Each structure stands twice: as C-alpha cells, then as structure tokens.
C-alpha cells in the first residue's frame, strides 16, 4: 500500500478550497505581505512570507527558503 501525501499549502478557512487570488502584495517586516481572496467563497486572508537563510555545506553557500 502506497501512502498518499496530503496536499500542503493555504486552505480557505471558510470553504476549505485552495483557490486564491492575490489582491495586494507589499514588503513588510523583512518579508512580503499578501492579501488574498478565496475565488470560491470570497473569504479574505492575509499572509506574511519571510525568507530564512541557512548555511549549506561548502564555503560561501547560502540556501534561501520561503516560509509562509
């Protein structure tokens, strides 16, 4: 039996769907603030995305990861 992976990402608290439209995007607190609206039910959500820098093996290498 193969385990199915559960979908990850932003789900609408109102209807549970994953379809969002970005209404506004602007820099904020070392990251990006986005206002989103669910295309199914119209529920409004604000997300804050920040970049985390982590060191990788090897000289002078950095890995950037977006956290939502």
Protein backbone atom coordinates (compact mmCIF):
# COMPACT_ATOMS: atom_id res chain seq x y z
CA UNK A 1 0.00 0.00 0.00
CA UNK A 2 1.37 3.40 -1.01
CA UNK A 3 0.70 6.31 1.34
CA UNK A 4 -0.81 9.27 -0.43
CA UNK A 5 0.66 12.63 0.52
CA UNK A 6 -1.80 15.15 1.85
CA UNK A 7 -1.82 18.40 -0.11
CA UNK A 8 0.07 21.23 1.54
CA UNK A 9 -0.47 24.95 1.20
CA UNK A 10 -3.06 27.51 2.08
CA UNK A 11 -6.64 26.30 2.55
CA UNK A 12 -9.59 28.66 2.88
CA UNK A 13 -10.91 28.72 6.47
CA UNK A 14 -14.38 29.41 5.07
CA UNK A 15 -14.86 26.66 2.48
CA UNK A 16 -11.65 24.55 2.53
CA UNK A 17 -10.77 25.13 -1.14
CA UNK A 18 -7.25 26.08 -2.27
CA UNK A 19 -8.02 28.64 -4.98
CA UNK A 20 -6.92 32.17 -4.02
CA UNK A 21 -6.47 35.40 -5.92
CA UNK A 22 -3.80 37.84 -4.69
CA UNK A 23 -5.35 41.30 -4.29
CA UNK A 24 -2.39 43.21 -2.81
CA UNK A 25 1.30 42.49 -2.26
CA UNK A 26 3.80 44.71 -0.43
CA UNK A 27 7.06 44.44 1.53
CA UNK A 28 6.67 44.13 5.31
CA UNK A 29 8.95 43.17 8.26
CA UNK A 30 11.71 41.52 6.22
CA UNK A 31 9.29 39.62 4.01
CA UNK A 32 6.25 40.02 1.80
CA UNK A 33 2.67 40.69 2.96
CA UNK A 34 -0.08 39.47 0.63
CA UNK A 35 -3.83 39.98 0.82
CA UNK A 36 -5.66 37.09 -0.78
CA UNK A 37 -9.32 36.38 -1.55
CA UNK A 38 -10.81 32.90 -1.99
CA UNK A 39 -12.25 32.68 -5.51
CA UNK A 40 -14.88 30.21 -4.33
CA UNK A 41 -16.46 31.92 -1.30
CA UNK A 42 -14.81 35.38 -1.11
CA UNK A 43 -13.15 34.84 2.31
CA UNK A 44 -10.24 37.29 2.83
CA UNK A 45 -6.86 36.12 4.17
CA UNK A 46 -3.59 37.98 4.86
CA UNK A 47 -0.31 36.04 4.66
CA UNK A 48 3.22 37.07 5.63
CA UNK A 49 6.05 35.38 3.75
CA UNK A 50 9.59 35.62 5.11
CA UNK A 51 12.92 34.36 3.75
CA UNK A 52 15.09 32.24 6.02
CA UNK A 53 18.75 31.94 5.09
CA UNK A 54 20.51 28.75 6.13
CA UNK A 55 24.10 27.70 5.59
CA UNK A 56 24.83 24.82 3.23
CA UNK A 57 27.90 22.59 3.27
CA UNK A 58 30.71 24.28 1.41
CA UNK A 59 32.31 27.70 1.51
CA UNK A 60 30.08 30.71 0.96
CA UNK A 61 26.88 28.88 0.02
CA UNK A 62 23.51 30.02 1.29
CA UNK A 63 20.12 28.44 0.81
CA UNK A 64 17.03 30.64 0.73
CA UNK A 65 13.71 29.20 1.81
CA UNK A 66 10.35 30.98 1.67
CA UNK A 67 8.21 30.41 4.77
CA UNK A 68 4.51 31.22 4.66
